[in-house]
Amino acid sequence: MLLDHVLGVINLVNEQPFLKELTSHRCLASVPFGGRNRLIDFTLSNFIHAHVTQVAIFAKENYRSVMDHLGSGKEWDLDRRSGGLFILPPSMQTKKKGDLQQFYDHLDFFFAVLRRTM
């Protein structure tokens, strides 16, 4: 059973700079773990095992390495015509006002997902 009406959201906006040298040019989610894997792989694998086929990622800064690693989402079977993997870049127009600001900045995306599932 696929959960077509569920959208998983990964928020990379509130990452803390715990690993200063490792995260100077990349976000925490793209820090390597055990060779080929990245830290974001664990979250994506959990979504896939829960049959979530639509995943949106809120990016903040230094997210090119996440985009390079994830690509089209084929490794997690998220390269699909309906649903799939979406990387939502930060809005340059507003200052960061918390997590809800990210949702507000991408309301058009969420309304489009809602229209597709109805």
PDB file of N, CA and C in Angstrom:
ATOM      1  N   MET A   1       0.841  -1.176   0.000  1.00  0.00           N
ATOM      2  CA  MET A   1       0.000   0.000   0.000  1.00  0.00           C
ATOM      3  C   MET A   1       0.891   1.246   0.000  1.00  0.00           C
ATOM      4  N   LEU A   2       0.701   2.100  -0.971  1.00  0.00           N
ATOM      5  CA  LEU A   2       1.454   3.344  -1.034  1.00  0.00           C
ATOM      6  C   LEU A   2       0.624   4.465  -0.432  1.00  0.00           C
ATOM      7  N   LEU A   3       1.276   5.316   0.298  1.00  0.00           N
ATOM      8  CA  LEU A   3       0.609   6.458   0.912  1.00  0.00           C
ATOM      9  C   LEU A   3       0.719   7.640  -0.041  1.00  0.00           C
ATOM     10  N   ASP A   4      -0.187   7.721  -1.010  1.00  0.00           N
ATOM     11  CA  ASP A   4      -0.121   8.772  -2.012  1.00  0.00           C
ATOM     12  C   ASP A   4      -0.474  10.141  -1.454  1.00  0.00           C
ATOM     13  N   HIS A   5      -1.142  10.177  -0.322  1.00  0.00           N
ATOM     14  CA  HIS A   5      -1.596  11.448   0.237  1.00  0.00           C
ATOM     15  C   HIS A   5      -0.697  11.949   1.358  1.00  0.00           C
ATOM     16  N   VAL A   6       0.501  11.400   1.477  1.00  0.00           N
ATOM     17  CA  VAL A   6       1.422  11.811   2.538  1.00  0.00           C
ATOM     18  C   VAL A   6       2.637  12.470   1.894  1.00  0.00           C
ATOM     19  N   LEU A   7       3.018  13.606   2.462  1.00  0.00           N
ATOM     20  CA  LEU A   7       4.205  14.319   1.998  1.00  0.00           C
ATOM     21  C   LEU A   7       5.176  14.407   3.165  1.00  0.00           C
ATOM     22  N   GLY A   8       6.340  13.814   3.011  1.00  0.00           N
ATOM     23  CA  GLY A   8       7.376  13.924   4.033  1.00  0.00           C
ATOM     24  C   GLY A   8       8.162  15.204   3.828  1.00  0.00           C
ATOM     25  N   VAL A   9       8.479  15.884   4.913  1.00  0.00           N
ATOM     26  CA  VAL A   9       9.227  17.135   4.836  1.00  0.00           C
ATOM     27  C   VAL A   9      10.480  17.013   5.696  1.00  0.00           C
ATOM     28  N   ILE A  10      11.620  17.290   5.093  1.00  0.00           N
ATOM     29  CA  ILE A  10      12.895  17.315   5.808  1.00  0.00           C
ATOM     30  C   ILE A  10      13.324  18.770   5.898  1.00  0.00           C
ATOM     31  N   ASN A  11      13.511  19.239   7.106  1.00  0.00           N
ATOM     32  CA  ASN A  11      13.854  20.638   7.332  1.00  0.00           C
ATOM     33  C   ASN A  11      15.348  20.754   7.639  1.00  0.00           C
ATOM     34  N   LEU A  12      16.095  21.342   6.719  1.00  0.00           N
ATOM     35  CA  LEU A  12      17.533  21.544   6.913  1.00  0.00           C
ATOM     36  C   LEU A  12      17.847  22.970   7.345  1.00  0.00           C
ATOM     37  N   VAL A  13      16.831  23.728   7.701  1.00  0.00           N
ATOM     38  CA  VAL A  13      17.007  25.148   8.008  1.00  0.00           C
ATOM     39  C   VAL A  13      17.639  25.363   9.374  1.00  0.00           C
ATOM     40  N   ASN A  14      17.297  24.564  10.353  1.00  0.00           N
ATOM     41  CA  ASN A  14      17.752  24.788  11.725  1.00  0.00           C
ATOM     42  C   ASN A  14      18.957  23.944  12.118  1.00  0.00           C
ATOM     43  N   GLU A  15      19.803  23.633  11.169  1.00  0.00           N
ATOM     44  CA  GLU A  15      20.992  22.844  11.485  1.00  0.00           C
ATOM     45  C   GLU A  15      21.946  23.646  12.355  1.00  0.00           C
ATOM     46  N   GLN A  16      22.510  22.994  13.332  1.00  0.00           N
ATOM     47  CA  GLN A  16      23.491  23.634  14.216  1.00  0.00           C
ATOM     48  C   GLN A  16      24.904  23.324  13.722  1.00  0.00           C
ATOM     49  N   PRO A  17      25.822  24.251  13.847  1.00  0.00           N
ATOM     50  CA  PRO A  17      27.191  24.028  13.351  1.00  0.00           C
ATOM     51  C   PRO A  17      28.041  23.207  14.327  1.00  0.00           C
ATOM     52  N   PHE A  18      27.652  21.956  14.553  1.00  0.00           N
ATOM     53  CA  PHE A  18      28.391  21.095  15.481  1.00  0.00           C
ATOM     54  C   PHE A  18      29.727  20.648  14.891  1.00  0.00           C
ATOM     55  N   LEU A  19      29.749  20.353  13.641  1.00  0.00           N
ATOM     56  CA  LEU A  19      30.946  19.825  12.985  1.00  0.00           C
ATOM     57  C   LEU A  19      31.543  20.909  12.094  1.00  0.00           C
ATOM     58  N   LYS A  20      32.205  21.852  12.697  1.00  0.00           N
ATOM     59  CA  LYS A  20      32.641  23.070  12.013  1.00  0.00           C
ATOM     60  C   LYS A  20      33.445  22.801  10.741  1.00  0.00           C
ATOM     61  N   GLU A  21      34.462  21.961  10.817  1.00  0.00           N
ATOM     62  CA  GLU A  21      35.303  21.713   9.649  1.00  0.00           C
ATOM     63  C   GLU A  21      34.565  20.922   8.584  1.00  0.00           C
ATOM     64  N   LEU A  22      33.715  20.002   8.987  1.00  0.00           N
ATOM     65  CA  LEU A  22      32.992  19.183   8.020  1.00  0.00           C
ATOM     66  C   LEU A  22      31.836  19.919   7.363  1.00  0.00           C
ATOM     67  N   THR A  23      31.342  20.955   8.031  1.00  0.00           N
ATOM     68  CA  THR A  23      30.171  21.661   7.494  1.00  0.00           C
ATOM     69  C   THR A  23      30.489  23.082   7.037  1.00  0.00           C
ATOM     70  N   SER A  24      31.744  23.387   6.818  1.00  0.00           N
ATOM     71  CA  SER A  24      32.078  24.738   6.356  1.00  0.00           C
ATOM     72  C   SER A  24      31.648  24.955   4.905  1.00  0.00           C
ATOM     73  N   HIS A  25      31.642  23.899   4.088  1.00  0.00           N
ATOM     74  CA  HIS A  25      31.258  24.023   2.681  1.00  0.00           C
ATOM     75  C   HIS A  25      30.077  23.142   2.310  1.00  0.00           C
ATOM     76  N   ARG A  26      29.440  22.529   3.277  1.00  0.00           N
ATOM     77  CA  ARG A  26      28.279  21.687   3.002  1.00  0.00           C
ATOM     78  C   ARG A  26      27.362  21.712   4.211  1.00  0.00           C
ATOM     79  N   CYS A  27      26.118  21.355   4.010  1.00  0.00           N
ATOM     80  CA  CYS A  27      25.191  21.317   5.144  1.00  0.00           C
ATOM     81  C   CYS A  27      25.380  20.001   5.910  1.00  0.00           C
ATOM     82  N   LEU A  28      24.880  19.975   7.112  1.00  0.00           N
ATOM     83  CA  LEU A  28      25.055  18.813   7.982  1.00  0.00           C
ATOM     84  C   LEU A  28      24.454  17.550   7.375  1.00  0.00           C
ATOM     85  N   ALA A  29      23.388  17.677   6.645  1.00  0.00           N
ATOM     86  CA  ALA A  29      22.726  16.512   6.057  1.00  0.00           C
ATOM     87  C   ALA A  29      23.593  15.801   5.023  1.00  0.00           C
ATOM     88  N   SER A  30      24.543  16.501   4.421  1.00  0.00           N
ATOM     89  CA  SER A  30      25.381  15.875   3.401  1.00  0.00           C
ATOM     90  C   SER A  30      26.765  15.467   3.914  1.00  0.00           C
ATOM     91  N   VAL A  31      26.947  15.416   5.214  1.00  0.00           N
ATOM     92  CA  VAL A  31      28.207  14.943   5.788  1.00  0.00           C
ATOM     93  C   VAL A  31      28.295  13.429   5.555  1.00  0.00           C
ATOM     94  N   PRO A  32      29.417  12.954   5.041  1.00  0.00           N
ATOM     95  CA  PRO A  32      29.556  11.515   4.763  1.00  0.00           C
ATOM     96  C   PRO A  32      29.485  10.668   6.036  1.00  0.00           C
ATOM     97  N   PHE A  33      28.940   9.486   5.879  1.00  0.00           N
ATOM     98  CA  PHE A  33      28.860   8.523   6.972  1.00  0.00           C
ATOM     99  C   PHE A  33      29.153   7.148   6.394  1.00  0.00           C
ATOM    100  N   GLY A  34      30.247   6.563   6.802  1.00  0.00           N
ATOM    101  CA  GLY A  34      30.575   5.207   6.357  1.00  0.00           C
ATOM    102  C   GLY A  34      30.866   5.091   4.876  1.00  0.00           C
ATOM    103  N   GLY A  35      31.517   6.065   4.289  1.00  0.00           N
ATOM    104  CA  GLY A  35      31.892   5.961   2.888  1.00  0.00           C
ATOM    105  C   GLY A  35      30.907   6.621   1.952  1.00  0.00           C
ATOM    106  N   ARG A  36      30.025   5.860   1.346  1.00  0.00           N
ATOM    107  CA  ARG A  36      29.134   6.368   0.313  1.00  0.00           C
ATOM    108  C   ARG A  36      27.907   7.083   0.871  1.00  0.00           C
ATOM    109  N   ASN A  37      27.465   6.729   2.033  1.00  0.00           N
ATOM    110  CA  ASN A  37      26.236   7.295   2.596  1.00  0.00           C
ATOM    111  C   ASN A  37      26.454   8.694   3.143  1.00  0.00           C
ATOM    112  N   ARG A  38      25.371   9.443   3.211  1.00  0.00           N
ATOM    113  CA  ARG A  38      25.338  10.752   3.842  1.00  0.00           C
ATOM    114  C   ARG A  38      24.302  10.696   4.968  1.00  0.00           C
ATOM    115  N   LEU A  39      24.336  11.649   5.862  1.00  0.00           N
ATOM    116  CA  LEU A  39      23.413  11.624   6.994  1.00  0.00           C
ATOM    117  C   LEU A  39      21.956  11.709   6.562  1.00  0.00           C
ATOM    118  N   ILE A  40      21.674  12.394   5.470  1.00  0.00           N
ATOM    119  CA  ILE A  40      20.291  12.509   4.997  1.00  0.00           C
ATOM    120  C   ILE A  40      19.743  11.177   4.492  1.00  0.00           C
ATOM    121  N   ASP A  41      20.625  10.240   4.150  1.00  0.00           N
ATOM    122  CA  ASP A  41      20.190   8.939   3.658  1.00  0.00           C
ATOM    123  C   ASP A  41      19.352   8.176   4.684  1.00  0.00           C
ATOM    124  N   PHE A  42      19.656   8.344   5.959  1.00  0.00           N
ATOM    125  CA  PHE A  42      18.910   7.641   6.994  1.00  0.00           C
ATOM    126  C   PHE A  42      17.462   8.119   7.043  1.00  0.00           C
ATOM    127  N   THR A  43      17.272   9.417   6.939  1.00  0.00           N
ATOM    128  CA  THR A  43      15.921   9.972   6.957  1.00  0.00           C
ATOM    129  C   THR A  43      15.152   9.553   5.713  1.00  0.00           C
ATOM    130  N   LEU A  44      15.785   9.633   4.560  1.00  0.00           N
ATOM    131  CA  LEU A  44      15.115   9.227   3.328  1.00  0.00           C
ATOM    132  C   LEU A  44      14.767   7.743   3.337  1.00  0.00           C
ATOM    133  N   SER A  45      15.652   6.919   3.854  1.00  0.00           N
ATOM    134  CA  SER A  45      15.368   5.483   3.937  1.00  0.00           C
ATOM    135  C   SER A  45      14.190   5.208   4.861  1.00  0.00           C
ATOM    136  N   ASN A  46      14.099   5.951   5.954  1.00  0.00           N
ATOM    137  CA  ASN A  46      12.951   5.780   6.846  1.00  0.00           C
ATOM    138  C   ASN A  46      11.650   6.162   6.148  1.00  0.00           C
ATOM    139  N   PHE A  47      11.664   7.232   5.377  1.00  0.00           N
ATOM    140  CA  PHE A  47      10.461   7.606   4.619  1.00  0.00           C
ATOM    141  C   PHE A  47      10.075   6.506   3.640  1.00  0.00           C
ATOM    142  N   ILE A  48      11.046   5.981   2.921  1.00  0.00           N
ATOM    143  CA  ILE A  48      10.754   4.958   1.916  1.00  0.00           C
ATOM    144  C   ILE A  48      10.231   3.685   2.572  1.00  0.00           C
ATOM    145  N   HIS A  49      10.813   3.285   3.703  1.00  0.00           N
ATOM    146  CA  HIS A  49      10.324   2.089   4.406  1.00  0.00           C
ATOM    147  C   HIS A  49       8.924   2.297   4.963  1.00  0.00           C
ATOM    148  N   ALA A  50       8.532   3.552   5.171  1.00  0.00           N
ATOM    149  CA  ALA A  50       7.171   3.868   5.631  1.00  0.00           C
ATOM    150  C   ALA A  50       6.242   4.114   4.440  1.00  0.00           C
ATOM    151  N   HIS A  51       6.712   3.871   3.228  1.00  0.00           N
ATOM    152  CA  HIS A  51       5.937   4.002   1.992  1.00  0.00           C
ATOM    153  C   HIS A  51       5.527   5.441   1.698  1.00  0.00           C
ATOM    154  N   VAL A  52       6.331   6.403   2.112  1.00  0.00           N
ATOM    155  CA  VAL A  52       6.110   7.804   1.760  1.00  0.00           C
ATOM    156  C   VAL A  52       6.812   8.035   0.423  1.00  0.00           C
ATOM    157  N   THR A  53       6.045   8.398  -0.600  1.00  0.00           N
ATOM    158  CA  THR A  53       6.599   8.517  -1.947  1.00  0.00           C
ATOM    159  C   THR A  53       6.757   9.956  -2.413  1.00  0.00           C
ATOM    160  N   GLN A  54       6.456  10.910  -1.544  1.00  0.00           N
ATOM    161  CA  GLN A  54       6.656  12.327  -1.844  1.00  0.00           C
ATOM    162  C   GLN A  54       7.465  12.931  -0.704  1.00  0.00           C
ATOM    163  N   VAL A  55       8.626  13.491  -1.016  1.00  0.00           N
ATOM    164  CA  VAL A  55       9.494  14.065   0.014  1.00  0.00           C
ATOM    165  C   VAL A  55       9.946  15.443  -0.443  1.00  0.00           C
ATOM    166  N   ALA A  56       9.744  16.431   0.422  1.00  0.00           N
ATOM    167  CA  ALA A  56      10.210  17.794   0.175  1.00  0.00           C
ATOM    168  C   ALA A  56      11.321  18.108   1.172  1.00  0.00           C
ATOM    169  N   ILE A  57      12.343  18.808   0.704  1.00  0.00           N
ATOM    170  CA  ILE A  57      13.474  19.161   1.553  1.00  0.00           C
ATOM    171  C   ILE A  57      13.606  20.681   1.565  1.00  0.00           C
ATOM    172  N   PHE A  58      13.511  21.269   2.758  1.00  0.00           N
ATOM    173  CA  PHE A  58      13.753  22.702   2.929  1.00  0.00           C
ATOM    174  C   PHE A  58      15.251  22.913   3.050  1.00  0.00           C
ATOM    175  N   ALA A  59      15.843  23.599   2.097  1.00  0.00           N
ATOM    176  CA  ALA A  59      17.276  23.867   2.129  1.00  0.00           C
ATOM    177  C   ALA A  59      17.514  25.290   2.622  1.00  0.00           C
ATOM    178  N   LYS A  60      18.667  25.500   3.227  1.00  0.00           N
ATOM    179  CA  LYS A  60      18.984  26.841   3.720  1.00  0.00           C
ATOM    180  C   LYS A  60      20.223  27.399   3.028  1.00  0.00           C
ATOM    181  N   GLU A  61      21.350  26.799   3.280  1.00  0.00           N
ATOM    182  CA  GLU A  61      22.599  27.280   2.689  1.00  0.00           C
ATOM    183  C   GLU A  61      23.525  26.093   2.491  1.00  0.00           C
ATOM    184  N   ASN A  62      24.458  26.249   1.582  1.00  0.00           N
ATOM    185  CA  ASN A  62      25.412  25.177   1.257  1.00  0.00           C
ATOM    186  C   ASN A  62      24.692  23.873   0.913  1.00  0.00           C
ATOM    187  N   TYR A  63      23.647  23.951   0.139  1.00  0.00           N
ATOM    188  CA  TYR A  63      22.861  22.751  -0.159  1.00  0.00           C
ATOM    189  C   TYR A  63      23.200  22.132  -1.508  1.00  0.00           C
ATOM    190  N   ARG A  64      24.215  22.645  -2.185  1.00  0.00           N
ATOM    191  CA  ARG A  64      24.611  22.050  -3.457  1.00  0.00           C
ATOM    192  C   ARG A  64      25.077  20.608  -3.287  1.00  0.00           C
ATOM    193  N   SER A  65      25.764  20.322  -2.191  1.00  0.00           N
ATOM    194  CA  SER A  65      26.232  18.952  -1.969  1.00  0.00           C
ATOM    195  C   SER A  65      25.063  17.997  -1.739  1.00  0.00           C
ATOM    196  N   VAL A  66      23.989  18.481  -1.137  1.00  0.00           N
ATOM    197  CA  VAL A  66      22.792  17.642  -0.979  1.00  0.00           C
ATOM    198  C   VAL A  66      22.171  17.374  -2.341  1.00  0.00           C
ATOM    199  N   MET A  67      22.084  18.405  -3.166  1.00  0.00           N
ATOM    200  CA  MET A  67      21.518  18.228  -4.501  1.00  0.00           C
ATOM    201  C   MET A  67      22.366  17.274  -5.339  1.00  0.00           C
ATOM    202  N   ASP A  68      23.692  17.409  -5.241  1.00  0.00           N
ATOM    203  CA  ASP A  68      24.570  16.508  -5.983  1.00  0.00           C
ATOM    204  C   ASP A  68      24.414  15.070  -5.522  1.00  0.00           C
ATOM    205  N   HIS A  69      24.285  14.865  -4.225  1.00  0.00           N
ATOM    206  CA  HIS A  69      24.167  13.510  -3.682  1.00  0.00           C
ATOM    207  C   HIS A  69      22.814  12.884  -4.012  1.00  0.00           C
ATOM    208  N   LEU A  70      21.759  13.651  -3.874  1.00  0.00           N
ATOM    209  CA  LEU A  70      20.425  13.091  -4.081  1.00  0.00           C
ATOM    210  C   LEU A  70      20.077  12.937  -5.549  1.00  0.00           C
ATOM    211  N   GLY A  71      20.551  13.844  -6.368  1.00  0.00           N
ATOM    212  CA  GLY A  71      20.245  13.777  -7.791  1.00  0.00           C
ATOM    213  C   GLY A  71      18.746  13.805  -8.026  1.00  0.00           C
ATOM    214  N   SER A  72      18.262  12.847  -8.769  1.00  0.00           N
ATOM    215  CA  SER A  72      16.832  12.776  -9.064  1.00  0.00           C
ATOM    216  C   SER A  72      16.069  11.958  -8.035  1.00  0.00           C
ATOM    217  N   GLY A  73      16.782  11.346  -7.092  1.00  0.00           N
ATOM    218  CA  GLY A  73      16.134  10.516  -6.084  1.00  0.00           C
ATOM    219  C   GLY A  73      16.014   9.060  -6.485  1.00  0.00           C
ATOM    220  N   LYS A  74      16.710   8.665  -7.522  1.00  0.00           N
ATOM    221  CA  LYS A  74      16.596   7.303  -8.045  1.00  0.00           C
ATOM    222  C   LYS A  74      17.007   6.241  -7.025  1.00  0.00           C
ATOM    223  N   GLU A  75      17.995   6.529  -6.207  1.00  0.00           N
ATOM    224  CA  GLU A  75      18.463   5.557  -5.207  1.00  0.00           C
ATOM    225  C   GLU A  75      17.374   5.168  -4.211  1.00  0.00           C
ATOM    226  N   TRP A  76      16.395   6.051  -4.018  1.00  0.00           N
ATOM    227  CA  TRP A  76      15.313   5.802  -3.059  1.00  0.00           C
ATOM    228  C   TRP A  76      13.985   5.594  -3.774  1.00  0.00           C
ATOM    229  N   ASP A  77      14.035   5.382  -5.077  1.00  0.00           N
ATOM    230  CA  ASP A  77      12.836   5.219  -5.899  1.00  0.00           C
ATOM    231  C   ASP A  77      11.936   6.451  -5.809  1.00  0.00           C
ATOM    232  N   LEU A  78      12.555   7.614  -5.773  1.00  0.00           N
ATOM    233  CA  LEU A  78      11.796   8.866  -5.725  1.00  0.00           C
ATOM    234  C   LEU A  78      11.872   9.624  -7.049  1.00  0.00           C
ATOM    235  N   ASP A  79      12.331   8.972  -8.094  1.00  0.00           N
ATOM    236  CA  ASP A  79      12.374   9.600  -9.414  1.00  0.00           C
ATOM    237  C   ASP A  79      11.127   9.184 -10.182  1.00  0.00           C
ATOM    238  N   ARG A  80      10.036   9.802  -9.840  1.00  0.00           N
ATOM    239  CA  ARG A  80       8.755   9.421 -10.423  1.00  0.00           C
ATOM    240  C   ARG A  80       8.047  10.632 -10.983  1.00  0.00           C
ATOM    241  N   ARG A  81       7.094  10.353 -11.833  1.00  0.00           N
ATOM    242  CA  ARG A  81       6.346  11.424 -12.476  1.00  0.00           C
ATOM    243  C   ARG A  81       5.376  12.092 -11.512  1.00  0.00           C
ATOM    244  N   SER A  82       4.740  11.310 -10.683  1.00  0.00           N
ATOM    245  CA  SER A  82       3.809  11.840  -9.691  1.00  0.00           C
ATOM    246  C   SER A  82       4.428  11.654  -8.308  1.00  0.00           C
ATOM    247  N   GLY A  83       4.662  12.738  -7.619  1.00  0.00           N
ATOM    248  CA  GLY A  83       5.339  12.657  -6.329  1.00  0.00           C
ATOM    249  C   GLY A  83       6.831  12.749  -6.538  1.00  0.00           C
ATOM    250  N   GLY A  84       7.578  12.094  -5.670  1.00  0.00           N
ATOM    251  CA  GLY A  84       9.018  12.080  -5.824  1.00  0.00           C
ATOM    252  C   GLY A  84       9.732  12.992  -4.848  1.00  0.00           C
ATOM    253  N   LEU A  85      10.896  13.457  -5.265  1.00  0.00           N
ATOM    254  CA  LEU A  85      11.775  14.253  -4.422  1.00  0.00           C
ATOM    255  C   LEU A  85      11.768  15.703  -4.880  1.00  0.00           C
ATOM    256  N   PHE A  86      11.583  16.620  -3.934  1.00  0.00           N
ATOM    257  CA  PHE A  86      11.553  18.050  -4.218  1.00  0.00           C
ATOM    258  C   PHE A  86      12.504  18.764  -3.268  1.00  0.00           C
ATOM    259  N   ILE A  87      13.424  19.536  -3.807  1.00  0.00           N
ATOM    260  CA  ILE A  87      14.313  20.350  -2.981  1.00  0.00           C
ATOM    261  C   ILE A  87      13.840  21.789  -3.102  1.00  0.00           C
ATOM    262  N   LEU A  88      13.419  22.359  -1.981  1.00  0.00           N
ATOM    263  CA  LEU A  88      12.862  23.709  -1.958  1.00  0.00           C
ATOM    264  C   LEU A  88      13.926  24.678  -1.455  1.00  0.00           C
ATOM    265  N   PRO A  89      14.440  25.531  -2.324  1.00  0.00           N
ATOM    266  CA  PRO A  89      15.508  26.449  -1.926  1.00  0.00           C
ATOM    267  C   PRO A  89      14.990  27.534  -0.998  1.00  0.00           C
ATOM    268  N   PRO A  90      15.897  28.190  -0.290  1.00  0.00           N
ATOM    269  CA  PRO A  90      15.459  29.269   0.603  1.00  0.00           C
ATOM    270  C   PRO A  90      14.985  30.477  -0.191  1.00  0.00           C
ATOM    271  N   SER A  91      14.080  31.201   0.397  1.00  0.00           N
ATOM    272  CA  SER A  91      13.583  32.416  -0.225  1.00  0.00           C
ATOM    273  C   SER A  91      14.559  33.548   0.069  1.00  0.00           C
ATOM    274  N   MET A  92      14.895  34.308  -0.930  1.00  0.00           N
ATOM    275  CA  MET A  92      15.829  35.414  -0.755  1.00  0.00           C
ATOM    276  C   MET A  92      15.121  36.704  -0.365  1.00  0.00           C
ATOM    277  N   GLN A  93      13.791  36.698  -0.387  1.00  0.00           N
ATOM    278  CA  GLN A  93      13.041  37.923  -0.169  1.00  0.00           C
ATOM    279  C   GLN A  93      12.791  38.220   1.304  1.00  0.00           C
ATOM    280  N   THR A  94      12.702  37.199   2.133  1.00  0.00           N
ATOM    281  CA  THR A  94      12.337  37.430   3.528  1.00  0.00           C
ATOM    282  C   THR A  94      13.441  36.955   4.453  1.00  0.00           C
ATOM    283  N   LYS A  95      13.498  37.558   5.612  1.00  0.00           N
ATOM    284  CA  LYS A  95      14.433  37.107   6.629  1.00  0.00           C
ATOM    285  C   LYS A  95      13.877  35.851   7.280  1.00  0.00           C
ATOM    286  N   LYS A  96      14.757  35.069   7.861  1.00  0.00           N
ATOM    287  CA  LYS A  96      14.333  33.846   8.532  1.00  0.00           C
ATOM    288  C   LYS A  96      13.539  34.213   9.789  1.00  0.00           C
ATOM    289  N   LYS A  97      12.297  33.754   9.820  1.00  0.00           N
ATOM    290  CA  LYS A  97      11.433  34.036  10.956  1.00  0.00           C
ATOM    291  C   LYS A  97      10.972  32.755  11.627  1.00  0.00           C
ATOM    292  N   GLY A  98      11.655  31.655  11.379  1.00  0.00           N
ATOM    293  CA  GLY A  98      11.274  30.390  11.974  1.00  0.00           C
ATOM    294  C   GLY A  98      10.869  29.374  10.926  1.00  0.00           C
ATOM    295  N   ASP A  99      10.474  28.213  11.395  1.00  0.00           N
ATOM    296  CA  ASP A  99      10.115  27.116  10.500  1.00  0.00           C
ATOM    297  C   ASP A  99       8.870  27.413   9.670  1.00  0.00           C
ATOM    298  N   LEU A 100       7.899  28.079  10.259  1.00  0.00           N
ATOM    299  CA  LEU A 100       6.669  28.350   9.525  1.00  0.00           C
ATOM    300  C   LEU A 100       6.896  29.268   8.335  1.00  0.00           C
ATOM    301  N   GLN A 101       7.941  30.085   8.395  1.00  0.00           N
ATOM    302  CA  GLN A 101       8.249  30.957   7.265  1.00  0.00           C
ATOM    303  C   GLN A 101       8.605  30.130   6.033  1.00  0.00           C
ATOM    304  N   GLN A 102       9.292  29.015   6.217  1.00  0.00           N
ATOM    305  CA  GLN A 102       9.630  28.146   5.092  1.00  0.00           C
ATOM    306  C   GLN A 102       8.368  27.602   4.426  1.00  0.00           C
ATOM    307  N   PHE A 103       7.408  27.169   5.240  1.00  0.00           N
ATOM    308  CA  PHE A 103       6.151  26.680   4.685  1.00  0.00           C
ATOM    309  C   PHE A 103       5.426  27.801   3.942  1.00  0.00           C
ATOM    310  N   TYR A 104       5.404  28.979   4.522  1.00  0.00           N
ATOM    311  CA  TYR A 104       4.732  30.118   3.901  1.00  0.00           C
ATOM    312  C   TYR A 104       5.384  30.494   2.576  1.00  0.00           C
ATOM    313  N   ASP A 105       6.704  30.483   2.534  1.00  0.00           N
ATOM    314  CA  ASP A 105       7.426  30.848   1.306  1.00  0.00           C
ATOM    315  C   ASP A 105       7.161  29.862   0.171  1.00  0.00           C
ATOM    316  N   HIS A 106       6.761  28.642   0.492  1.00  0.00           N
ATOM    317  CA  HIS A 106       6.536  27.610  -0.523  1.00  0.00           C
ATOM    318  C   HIS A 106       5.087  27.139  -0.536  1.00  0.00           C
ATOM    319  N   LEU A 107       4.160  28.024  -0.207  1.00  0.00           N
ATOM    320  CA  LEU A 107       2.745  27.659  -0.200  1.00  0.00           C
ATOM    321  C   LEU A 107       2.269  27.173  -1.566  1.00  0.00           C
ATOM    322  N   ASP A 108       2.767  27.768  -2.625  1.00  0.00           N
ATOM    323  CA  ASP A 108       2.351  27.333  -3.956  1.00  0.00           C
ATOM    324  C   ASP A 108       2.715  25.872  -4.215  1.00  0.00           C
ATOM    325  N   PHE A 109       3.862  25.433  -3.723  1.00  0.00           N
ATOM    326  CA  PHE A 109       4.253  24.029  -3.858  1.00  0.00           C
ATOM    327  C   PHE A 109       3.289  23.116  -3.100  1.00  0.00           C
ATOM    328  N   PHE A 110       2.956  23.476  -1.866  1.00  0.00           N
ATOM    329  CA  PHE A 110       2.069  22.638  -1.068  1.00  0.00           C
ATOM    330  C   PHE A 110       0.660  22.604  -1.644  1.00  0.00           C
ATOM    331  N   PHE A 111       0.187  23.718  -2.185  1.00  0.00           N
ATOM    332  CA  PHE A 111      -1.128  23.719  -2.830  1.00  0.00           C
ATOM    333  C   PHE A 111      -1.111  22.866  -4.095  1.00  0.00           C
ATOM    334  N   ALA A 112      -0.009  22.869  -4.827  1.00  0.00           N
ATOM    335  CA  ALA A 112       0.099  22.034  -6.030  1.00  0.00           C
ATOM    336  C   ALA A 112       0.093  20.554  -5.653  1.00  0.00           C
ATOM    337  N   VAL A 113       0.774  20.193  -4.588  1.00  0.00           N
ATOM    338  CA  VAL A 113       0.756  18.796  -4.121  1.00  0.00           C
ATOM    339  C   VAL A 113      -0.649  18.417  -3.682  1.00  0.00           C
ATOM    340  N   LEU A 114      -1.321  19.323  -3.006  1.00  0.00           N
ATOM    341  CA  LEU A 114      -2.686  19.059  -2.546  1.00  0.00           C
ATOM    342  C   LEU A 114      -3.625  18.869  -3.727  1.00  0.00           C
ATOM    343  N   ARG A 115      -3.489  19.671  -4.769  1.00  0.00           N
ATOM    344  CA  ARG A 115      -4.338  19.523  -5.963  1.00  0.00           C
ATOM    345  C   ARG A 115      -4.086  18.199  -6.667  1.00  0.00           C
ATOM    346  N   ARG A 116      -2.816  17.751  -6.698  1.00  0.00           N
ATOM    347  CA  ARG A 116      -2.497  16.484  -7.362  1.00  0.00           C
ATOM    348  C   ARG A 116      -3.089  15.288  -6.641  1.00  0.00           C
ATOM    349  N   THR A 117      -3.224  15.367  -5.327  1.00  0.00           N
ATOM    350  CA  THR A 117      -3.701  14.216  -4.571  1.00  0.00           C
ATOM    351  C   THR A 117      -5.228  14.145  -4.488  1.00  0.00           C
ATOM    352  N   MET A 118      -5.887  15.188  -4.948  1.00  0.00           N
ATOM    353  CA  MET A 118      -7.355  15.180  -4.890  1.00  0.00           C
ATOM    354  C   MET A 118      -7.944  14.633  -6.174  1.00  0.00           C
TER     355      MET A 118
END
